[in-house]
Amino acid sequence: MKNKKLYKRLFIVLIALYVVFTLINQQKALNQYTKTSKELVEKINEQKTHKEELSKRKNDADSLEFIEQTAREKLDMYYPNERVYIDNGM
């Protein structure tokens, strides 16, 4: 009789330990998934901001002002009869 009670109690303790161990491992995994999720949301927001900036630059690239500025700065192009003075310093 004592052996049966002892085995029952031992069995219950082992099951309780297994449940506690499983819950702890699941909580660790859940914490890791939450952290990863937050990092991914942050990356998504950064990419959305980058996409908006690129979209704005694309829209600006079609404007006459952007085309003129690019032609002046990168291609050294100017309107006819436009005088350009370059200061070489003293």
PDB file of N, CA and C in Angstrom:
ATOM      1  N   MET A   1       0.814  -1.194   0.000  1.00  0.00           N
ATOM      2  CA  MET A   1       0.000   0.000   0.000  1.00  0.00           C
ATOM      3  C   MET A   1       0.858   1.257   0.000  1.00  0.00           C
ATOM      4  N   LYS A   2       1.891   1.233   0.844  1.00  0.00           N
ATOM      5  CA  LYS A   2       2.754   2.402   0.933  1.00  0.00           C
ATOM      6  C   LYS A   2       3.488   2.616  -0.377  1.00  0.00           C
ATOM      7  N   ASN A   3       3.861   1.537  -1.026  1.00  0.00           N
ATOM      8  CA  ASN A   3       4.560   1.641  -2.304  1.00  0.00           C
ATOM      9  C   ASN A   3       3.669   2.269  -3.375  1.00  0.00           C
ATOM     10  N   LYS A   4       2.364   1.900  -3.379  1.00  0.00           N
ATOM     11  CA  LYS A   4       1.430   2.470  -4.349  1.00  0.00           C
ATOM     12  C   LYS A   4       1.281   3.968  -4.142  1.00  0.00           C
ATOM     13  N   LYS A   5       1.142   4.391  -2.892  1.00  0.00           N
ATOM     14  CA  LYS A   5       1.010   5.823  -2.591  1.00  0.00           C
ATOM     15  C   LYS A   5       2.294   6.555  -2.955  1.00  0.00           C
ATOM     16  N   LEU A   6       3.406   5.946  -2.675  1.00  0.00           N
ATOM     17  CA  LEU A   6       4.692   6.550  -2.994  1.00  0.00           C
ATOM     18  C   LEU A   6       4.843   6.711  -4.516  1.00  0.00           C
ATOM     19  N   TYR A   7       4.488   5.671  -5.259  1.00  0.00           N
ATOM     20  CA  TYR A   7       4.571   5.730  -6.714  1.00  0.00           C
ATOM     21  C   TYR A   7       3.610   6.779  -7.290  1.00  0.00           C
ATOM     22  N   LYS A   8       2.410   6.873  -6.706  1.00  0.00           N
ATOM     23  CA  LYS A   8       1.437   7.874  -7.161  1.00  0.00           C
ATOM     24  C   LYS A   8       1.990   9.284  -6.951  1.00  0.00           C
ATOM     25  N   ARG A   9       2.516   9.520  -5.763  1.00  0.00           N
ATOM     26  CA  ARG A   9       3.060  10.846  -5.457  1.00  0.00           C
ATOM     27  C   ARG A   9       4.269  11.160  -6.346  1.00  0.00           C
ATOM     28  N   LEU A  10       5.119  10.201  -6.534  1.00  0.00           N
ATOM     29  CA  LEU A  10       6.277  10.374  -7.398  1.00  0.00           C
ATOM     30  C   LEU A  10       5.842  10.668  -8.829  1.00  0.00           C
ATOM     31  N   PHE A  11       4.843   9.951  -9.295  1.00  0.00           N
ATOM     32  CA  PHE A  11       4.309  10.165 -10.640  1.00  0.00           C
ATOM     33  C   PHE A  11       3.726  11.579 -10.777  1.00  0.00           C
ATOM     34  N   ILE A  12       2.982  12.024  -9.786  1.00  0.00           N
ATOM     35  CA  ILE A  12       2.378  13.362  -9.809  1.00  0.00           C
ATOM     36  C   ILE A  12       3.463  14.438  -9.779  1.00  0.00           C
ATOM     37  N   VAL A  13       4.488  14.241  -8.969  1.00  0.00           N
ATOM     38  CA  VAL A  13       5.591  15.201  -8.901  1.00  0.00           C
ATOM     39  C   VAL A  13       6.317  15.266 -10.245  1.00  0.00           C
ATOM     40  N   LEU A  14       6.551  14.124 -10.872  1.00  0.00           N
ATOM     41  CA  LEU A  14       7.216  14.107 -12.172  1.00  0.00           C
ATOM     42  C   LEU A  14       6.381  14.821 -13.244  1.00  0.00           C
ATOM     43  N   ILE A  15       5.094  14.589 -13.212  1.00  0.00           N
ATOM     44  CA  ILE A  15       4.215  15.278 -14.170  1.00  0.00           C
ATOM     45  C   ILE A  15       4.241  16.781 -13.919  1.00  0.00           C
ATOM     46  N   ALA A  16       4.192  17.197 -12.671  1.00  0.00           N
ATOM     47  CA  ALA A  16       4.228  18.621 -12.336  1.00  0.00           C
ATOM     48  C   ALA A  16       5.545  19.239 -12.792  1.00  0.00           C
ATOM     49  N   LEU A  17       6.661  18.553 -12.585  1.00  0.00           N
ATOM     50  CA  LEU A  17       7.957  19.059 -13.041  1.00  0.00           C
ATOM     51  C   LEU A  17       7.997  19.174 -14.566  1.00  0.00           C
ATOM     52  N   TYR A  18       7.444  18.181 -15.235  1.00  0.00           N
ATOM     53  CA  TYR A  18       7.402  18.222 -16.697  1.00  0.00           C
ATOM     54  C   TYR A  18       6.583  19.422 -17.179  1.00  0.00           C
ATOM     55  N   VAL A  19       5.438  19.664 -16.555  1.00  0.00           N
ATOM     56  CA  VAL A  19       4.581  20.789 -16.938  1.00  0.00           C
ATOM     57  C   VAL A  19       5.306  22.110 -16.696  1.00  0.00           C
ATOM     58  N   VAL A  20       5.955  22.265 -15.566  1.00  0.00           N
ATOM     59  CA  VAL A  20       6.682  23.498 -15.251  1.00  0.00           C
ATOM     60  C   VAL A  20       7.823  23.703 -16.241  1.00  0.00           C
ATOM     61  N   PHE A  21       8.580  22.650 -16.534  1.00  0.00           N
ATOM     62  CA  PHE A  21       9.678  22.733 -17.482  1.00  0.00           C
ATOM     63  C   PHE A  21       9.172  23.137 -18.869  1.00  0.00           C
ATOM     64  N   THR A  22       8.080  22.544 -19.297  1.00  0.00           N
ATOM     65  CA  THR A  22       7.492  22.862 -20.610  1.00  0.00           C
ATOM     66  C   THR A  22       7.014  24.310 -20.655  1.00  0.00           C
ATOM     67  N   LEU A  23       6.375  24.777 -19.606  1.00  0.00           N
ATOM     68  CA  LEU A  23       5.897  26.157 -19.570  1.00  0.00           C
ATOM     69  C   LEU A  23       7.051  27.156 -19.617  1.00  0.00           C
ATOM     70  N   ILE A  24       8.116  26.860 -18.923  1.00  0.00           N
ATOM     71  CA  ILE A  24       9.284  27.754 -18.923  1.00  0.00           C
ATOM     72  C   ILE A  24       9.893  27.825 -20.316  1.00  0.00           C
ATOM     73  N   ASN A  25      10.041  26.677 -20.968  1.00  0.00           N
ATOM     74  CA  ASN A  25      10.593  26.664 -22.327  1.00  0.00           C
ATOM     75  C   ASN A  25       9.697  27.400 -23.312  1.00  0.00           C
ATOM     76  N   GLN A  26       8.399  27.238 -23.170  1.00  0.00           N
ATOM     77  CA  GLN A  26       7.468  27.939 -24.054  1.00  0.00           C
ATOM     78  C   GLN A  26       7.516  29.446 -23.826  1.00  0.00           C
ATOM     79  N   GLN A  27       7.687  29.868 -22.585  1.00  0.00           N
ATOM     80  CA  GLN A  27       7.783  31.295 -22.295  1.00  0.00           C
ATOM     81  C   GLN A  27       9.050  31.884 -22.907  1.00  0.00           C
ATOM     82  N   LYS A  28      10.151  31.136 -22.838  1.00  0.00           N
ATOM     83  CA  LYS A  28      11.395  31.601 -23.456  1.00  0.00           C
ATOM     84  C   LYS A  28      11.213  31.757 -24.958  1.00  0.00           C
ATOM     85  N   ALA A  29      10.592  30.773 -25.595  1.00  0.00           N
ATOM     86  CA  ALA A  29      10.353  30.841 -27.039  1.00  0.00           C
ATOM     87  C   ALA A  29       9.437  32.009 -27.381  1.00  0.00           C
ATOM     88  N   LEU A  30       8.412  32.212 -26.587  1.00  0.00           N
ATOM     89  CA  LEU A  30       7.481  33.323 -26.821  1.00  0.00           C
ATOM     90  C   LEU A  30       8.188  34.666 -26.702  1.00  0.00           C
ATOM     91  N   ASN A  31       9.058  34.807 -25.708  1.00  0.00           N
ATOM     92  CA  ASN A  31       9.824  36.049 -25.557  1.00  0.00           C
ATOM     93  C   ASN A  31      10.720  36.295 -26.767  1.00  0.00           C
ATOM     94  N   GLN A  32      11.345  35.251 -27.270  1.00  0.00           N
ATOM     95  CA  GLN A  32      12.210  35.378 -28.444  1.00  0.00           C
ATOM     96  C   GLN A  32      11.389  35.782 -29.670  1.00  0.00           C
ATOM     97  N   TYR A  33      10.218  35.169 -29.850  1.00  0.00           N
ATOM     98  CA  TYR A  33       9.359  35.511 -30.988  1.00  0.00           C
ATOM     99  C   TYR A  33       8.865  36.950 -30.893  1.00  0.00           C
ATOM    100  N   THR A  34       8.570  37.405 -29.695  1.00  0.00           N
ATOM    101  CA  THR A  34       8.128  38.790 -29.501  1.00  0.00           C
ATOM    102  C   THR A  34       9.243  39.759 -29.861  1.00  0.00           C
ATOM    103  N   LYS A  35      10.458  39.456 -29.429  1.00  0.00           N
ATOM    104  CA  LYS A  35      11.610  40.304 -29.735  1.00  0.00           C
ATOM    105  C   LYS A  35      11.848  40.354 -31.242  1.00  0.00           C
ATOM    106  N   THR A  36      11.798  39.204 -31.894  1.00  0.00           N
ATOM    107  CA  THR A  36      11.993  39.150 -33.337  1.00  0.00           C
ATOM    108  C   THR A  36      10.898  39.922 -34.058  1.00  0.00           C
ATOM    109  N   SER A  37       9.694  39.789 -33.584  1.00  0.00           N
ATOM    110  CA  SER A  37       8.567  40.499 -34.191  1.00  0.00           C
ATOM    111  C   SER A  37       8.752  42.009 -34.104  1.00  0.00           C
ATOM    112  N   LYS A  38       9.199  42.494 -32.958  1.00  0.00           N
ATOM    113  CA  LYS A  38       9.422  43.935 -32.798  1.00  0.00           C
ATOM    114  C   LYS A  38      10.523  44.423 -33.728  1.00  0.00           C
ATOM    115  N   GLU A  39      11.587  43.629 -33.865  1.00  0.00           N
ATOM    116  CA  GLU A  39      12.676  44.007 -34.769  1.00  0.00           C
ATOM    117  C   GLU A  39      12.193  44.068 -36.206  1.00  0.00           C
ATOM    118  N   LEU A  40      11.363  43.110 -36.593  1.00  0.00           N
ATOM    119  CA  LEU A  40      10.854  43.088 -37.969  1.00  0.00           C
ATOM    120  C   LEU A  40       9.900  44.255 -38.235  1.00  0.00           C
ATOM    121  N   VAL A  41       9.088  44.603 -37.252  1.00  0.00           N
ATOM    122  CA  VAL A  41       8.190  45.756 -37.404  1.00  0.00           C
ATOM    123  C   VAL A  41       9.012  47.029 -37.579  1.00  0.00           C
ATOM    124  N   GLU A  42      10.100  47.146 -36.821  1.00  0.00           N
ATOM    125  CA  GLU A  42      10.976  48.314 -36.930  1.00  0.00           C
ATOM    126  C   GLU A  42      11.607  48.379 -38.324  1.00  0.00           C
ATOM    127  N   LYS A  43      12.054  47.241 -38.836  1.00  0.00           N
ATOM    128  CA  LYS A  43      12.643  47.210 -40.177  1.00  0.00           C
ATOM    129  C   LYS A  43      11.603  47.572 -41.238  1.00  0.00           C
ATOM    130  N   ILE A  44      10.384  47.096 -41.060  1.00  0.00           N
ATOM    131  CA  ILE A  44       9.313  47.419 -42.012  1.00  0.00           C
ATOM    132  C   ILE A  44       9.065  48.916 -42.021  1.00  0.00           C
ATOM    133  N   ASN A  45       9.016  49.530 -40.853  1.00  0.00           N
ATOM    134  CA  ASN A  45       8.793  50.975 -40.784  1.00  0.00           C
ATOM    135  C   ASN A  45       9.936  51.750 -41.439  1.00  0.00           C
ATOM    136  N   GLU A  46      11.176  51.285 -41.238  1.00  0.00           N
ATOM    137  CA  GLU A  46      12.321  51.939 -41.887  1.00  0.00           C
ATOM    138  C   GLU A  46      12.210  51.833 -43.397  1.00  0.00           C
ATOM    139  N   GLN A  47      11.810  50.671 -43.879  1.00  0.00           N
ATOM    140  CA  GLN A  47      11.680  50.481 -45.319  1.00  0.00           C
ATOM    141  C   GLN A  47      10.541  51.320 -45.895  1.00  0.00           C
ATOM    142  N   LYS A  48       9.464  51.478 -45.145  1.00  0.00           N
ATOM    143  CA  LYS A  48       8.361  52.339 -45.602  1.00  0.00           C
ATOM    144  C   LYS A  48       8.837  53.782 -45.730  1.00  0.00           C
ATOM    145  N   THR A  49       9.607  54.246 -44.739  1.00  0.00           N
ATOM    146  CA  THR A  49      10.140  55.605 -44.782  1.00  0.00           C
ATOM    147  C   THR A  49      11.072  55.767 -45.973  1.00  0.00           C
ATOM    148  N   HIS A  50      11.921  54.777 -46.195  1.00  0.00           N
ATOM    149  CA  HIS A  50      12.856  54.813 -47.329  1.00  0.00           C
ATOM    150  C   HIS A  50      12.079  54.825 -48.654  1.00  0.00           C
ATOM    151  N   LYS A  51      11.029  54.052 -48.722  1.00  0.00           N
ATOM    152  CA  LYS A  51      10.193  54.000 -49.930  1.00  0.00           C
ATOM    153  C   LYS A  51       9.547  55.359 -50.196  1.00  0.00           C
ATOM    154  N   GLU A  52       9.060  56.014 -49.153  1.00  0.00           N
ATOM    155  CA  GLU A  52       8.454  57.339 -49.306  1.00  0.00           C
ATOM    156  C   GLU A  52       9.482  58.356 -49.806  1.00  0.00           C
ATOM    157  N   GLU A  53      10.700  58.283 -49.258  1.00  0.00           N
ATOM    158  CA  GLU A  53      11.761  59.196 -49.702  1.00  0.00           C
ATOM    159  C   GLU A  53      12.086  58.971 -51.176  1.00  0.00           C
ATOM    160  N   LEU A  54      12.182  57.711 -51.571  1.00  0.00           N
ATOM    161  CA  LEU A  54      12.477  57.404 -52.972  1.00  0.00           C
ATOM    162  C   LEU A  54      11.341  57.855 -53.886  1.00  0.00           C
ATOM    163  N   SER A  55      10.116  57.687 -53.422  1.00  0.00           N
ATOM    164  CA  SER A  55       8.964  58.125 -54.209  1.00  0.00           C
ATOM    165  C   SER A  55       8.982  59.638 -54.395  1.00  0.00           C
ATOM    166  N   LYS A  56       9.336  60.354 -53.327  1.00  0.00           N
ATOM    167  CA  LYS A  56       9.422  61.816 -53.407  1.00  0.00           C
ATOM    168  C   LYS A  56      10.522  62.226 -54.376  1.00  0.00           C
ATOM    169  N   ARG A  57      11.684  61.566 -54.283  1.00  0.00           N
ATOM    170  CA  ARG A  57      12.788  61.882 -55.201  1.00  0.00           C
ATOM    171  C   ARG A  57      12.396  61.575 -56.647  1.00  0.00           C
ATOM    172  N   LYS A  58      11.636  60.517 -56.851  1.00  0.00           N
ATOM    173  CA  LYS A  58      11.181  60.167 -58.189  1.00  0.00           C
ATOM    174  C   LYS A  58      10.267  61.252 -58.731  1.00  0.00           C
ATOM    175  N   ASN A  59       9.357  61.724 -57.911  1.00  0.00           N
ATOM    176  CA  ASN A  59       8.447  62.790 -58.336  1.00  0.00           C
ATOM    177  C   ASN A  59       9.215  64.082 -58.604  1.00  0.00           C
ATOM    178  N   ASP A  60      10.218  64.364 -57.775  1.00  0.00           N
ATOM    179  CA  ASP A  60      11.029  65.563 -57.967  1.00  0.00           C
ATOM    180  C   ASP A  60      11.879  65.465 -59.234  1.00  0.00           C
ATOM    181  N   ALA A  61      12.259  64.255 -59.622  1.00  0.00           N
ATOM    182  CA  ALA A  61      13.098  64.073 -60.803  1.00  0.00           C
ATOM    183  C   ALA A  61      12.370  64.487 -62.079  1.00  0.00           C
ATOM    184  N   ASP A  62      11.067  64.498 -62.063  1.00  0.00           N
ATOM    185  CA  ASP A  62      10.283  64.897 -63.229  1.00  0.00           C
ATOM    186  C   ASP A  62      10.092  66.415 -63.315  1.00  0.00           C
ATOM    187  N   SER A  63      10.472  67.131 -62.269  1.00  0.00           N
ATOM    188  CA  SER A  63      10.254  68.577 -62.270  1.00  0.00           C
ATOM    189  C   SER A  63      11.354  69.285 -63.066  1.00  0.00           C
ATOM    190  N   LEU A  64      11.003  70.415 -63.636  1.00  0.00           N
ATOM    191  CA  LEU A  64      11.936  71.194 -64.433  1.00  0.00           C
ATOM    192  C   LEU A  64      13.084  71.731 -63.578  1.00  0.00           C
ATOM    193  N   GLU A  65      12.789  72.109 -62.344  1.00  0.00           N
ATOM    194  CA  GLU A  65      13.818  72.629 -61.446  1.00  0.00           C
ATOM    195  C   GLU A  65      14.906  71.574 -61.190  1.00  0.00           C
ATOM    196  N   PHE A  66      14.495  70.350 -60.956  1.00  0.00           N
ATOM    197  CA  PHE A  66      15.456  69.279 -60.687  1.00  0.00           C
ATOM    198  C   PHE A  66      16.314  69.019 -61.925  1.00  0.00           C
ATOM    199  N   ILE A  67      15.688  69.011 -63.074  1.00  0.00           N
ATOM    200  CA  ILE A  67      16.424  68.766 -64.313  1.00  0.00           C
ATOM    201  C   ILE A  67      17.448  69.873 -64.546  1.00  0.00           C
ATOM    202  N   GLU A  68      17.044  71.138 -64.357  1.00  0.00           N
ATOM    203  CA  GLU A  68      17.976  72.259 -64.530  1.00  0.00           C
ATOM    204  C   GLU A  68      19.121  72.181 -63.524  1.00  0.00           C
ATOM    205  N   GLN A  69      18.796  71.896 -62.278  1.00  0.00           N
ATOM    206  CA  GLN A  69      19.828  71.825 -61.233  1.00  0.00           C
ATOM    207  C   GLN A  69      20.821  70.707 -61.544  1.00  0.00           C
ATOM    208  N   THR A  70      20.324  69.565 -61.937  1.00  0.00           N
ATOM    209  CA  THR A  70      21.209  68.451 -62.271  1.00  0.00           C
ATOM    210  C   THR A  70      22.088  68.789 -63.468  1.00  0.00           C
ATOM    211  N   ALA A  71      21.507  69.424 -64.481  1.00  0.00           N
ATOM    212  CA  ALA A  71      22.284  69.796 -65.666  1.00  0.00           C
ATOM    213  C   ALA A  71      23.388  70.784 -65.303  1.00  0.00           C
ATOM    214  N   ARG A  72      23.088  71.721 -64.439  1.00  0.00           N
ATOM    215  CA  ARG A  72      24.086  72.721 -64.036  1.00  0.00           C
ATOM    216  C   ARG A  72      25.189  72.093 -63.193  1.00  0.00           C
ATOM    217  N   GLU A  73      24.803  71.291 -62.183  1.00  0.00           N
ATOM    218  CA  GLU A  73      25.779  70.775 -61.223  1.00  0.00           C
ATOM    219  C   GLU A  73      26.606  69.615 -61.774  1.00  0.00           C
ATOM    220  N   LYS A  74      25.981  68.697 -62.462  1.00  0.00           N
ATOM    221  CA  LYS A  74      26.696  67.488 -62.864  1.00  0.00           C
ATOM    222  C   LYS A  74      27.198  67.521 -64.296  1.00  0.00           C
ATOM    223  N   LEU A  75      26.523  68.277 -65.142  1.00  0.00           N
ATOM    224  CA  LEU A  75      26.902  68.274 -66.558  1.00  0.00           C
ATOM    225  C   LEU A  75      27.495  69.600 -67.023  1.00  0.00           C
ATOM    226  N   ASP A  76      27.577  70.574 -66.135  1.00  0.00           N
ATOM    227  CA  ASP A  76      28.075  71.911 -66.471  1.00  0.00           C
ATOM    228  C   ASP A  76      27.362  72.493 -67.690  1.00  0.00           C
ATOM    229  N   MET A  77      26.079  72.358 -67.726  1.00  0.00           N
ATOM    230  CA  MET A  77      25.276  72.900 -68.825  1.00  0.00           C
ATOM    231  C   MET A  77      24.579  74.168 -68.343  1.00  0.00           C
ATOM    232  N   TYR A  78      24.461  75.149 -69.249  1.00  0.00           N
ATOM    233  CA  TYR A  78      23.836  76.419 -68.913  1.00  0.00           C
ATOM    234  C   TYR A  78      23.005  76.880 -70.094  1.00  0.00           C
ATOM    235  N   TYR A  79      22.133  77.847 -69.854  1.00  0.00           N
ATOM    236  CA  TYR A  79      21.334  78.427 -70.929  1.00  0.00           C
ATOM    237  C   TYR A  79      22.239  79.226 -71.866  1.00  0.00           C
ATOM    238  N   PRO A  80      21.839  79.365 -73.137  1.00  0.00           N
ATOM    239  CA  PRO A  80      22.621  80.206 -74.060  1.00  0.00           C
ATOM    240  C   PRO A  80      22.679  81.647 -73.541  1.00  0.00           C
ATOM    241  N   ASN A  81      23.790  82.295 -73.770  1.00  0.00           N
ATOM    242  CA  ASN A  81      24.019  83.683 -73.350  1.00  0.00           C
ATOM    243  C   ASN A  81      23.986  83.866 -71.837  1.00  0.00           C
ATOM    244  N   GLU A  82      24.097  82.801 -71.101  1.00  0.00           N
ATOM    245  CA  GLU A  82      24.144  82.905 -69.650  1.00  0.00           C
ATOM    246  C   GLU A  82      25.607  82.959 -69.239  1.00  0.00           C
ATOM    247  N   ARG A  83      25.934  83.936 -68.463  1.00  0.00           N
ATOM    248  CA  ARG A  83      27.324  84.097 -68.042  1.00  0.00           C
ATOM    249  C   ARG A  83      27.531  83.400 -66.703  1.00  0.00           C
ATOM    250  N   VAL A  84      28.565  82.630 -66.657  1.00  0.00           N
ATOM    251  CA  VAL A  84      28.897  81.912 -65.432  1.00  0.00           C
ATOM    252  C   VAL A  84      30.288  82.372 -65.008  1.00  0.00           C
ATOM    253  N   TYR A  85      30.368  82.838 -63.785  1.00  0.00           N
ATOM    254  CA  TYR A  85      31.635  83.295 -63.238  1.00  0.00           C
ATOM    255  C   TYR A  85      32.090  82.316 -62.180  1.00  0.00           C
ATOM    256  N   ILE A  86      33.347  81.958 -62.267  1.00  0.00           N
ATOM    257  CA  ILE A  86      33.919  81.038 -61.284  1.00  0.00           C
ATOM    258  C   ILE A  86      34.979  81.807 -60.512  1.00  0.00           C
ATOM    259  N   ASP A  87      34.816  81.861 -59.209  1.00  0.00           N
ATOM    260  CA  ASP A  87      35.761  82.557 -58.345  1.00  0.00           C
ATOM    261  C   ASP A  87      36.852  81.579 -57.935  1.00  0.00           C
ATOM    262  N   ASN A  88      38.058  81.851 -58.387  1.00  0.00           N
ATOM    263  CA  ASN A  88      39.178  80.978 -58.059  1.00  0.00           C
ATOM    264  C   ASN A  88      39.852  81.368 -56.748  1.00  0.00           C
ATOM    265  N   GLY A  89      39.358  82.360 -56.114  1.00  0.00           N
ATOM    266  CA  GLY A  89      39.945  82.813 -54.845  1.00  0.00           C
ATOM    267  C   GLY A  89      41.082  83.778 -55.096  1.00  0.00           C
ATOM    268  N   MET A  90      41.577  84.366 -54.057  1.00  0.00           N
ATOM    269  CA  MET A  90      42.666  85.346 -54.219  1.00  0.00           C
ATOM    270  C   MET A  90      43.939  84.864 -53.688  1.00  0.00           C
TER     271      MET A  90
END
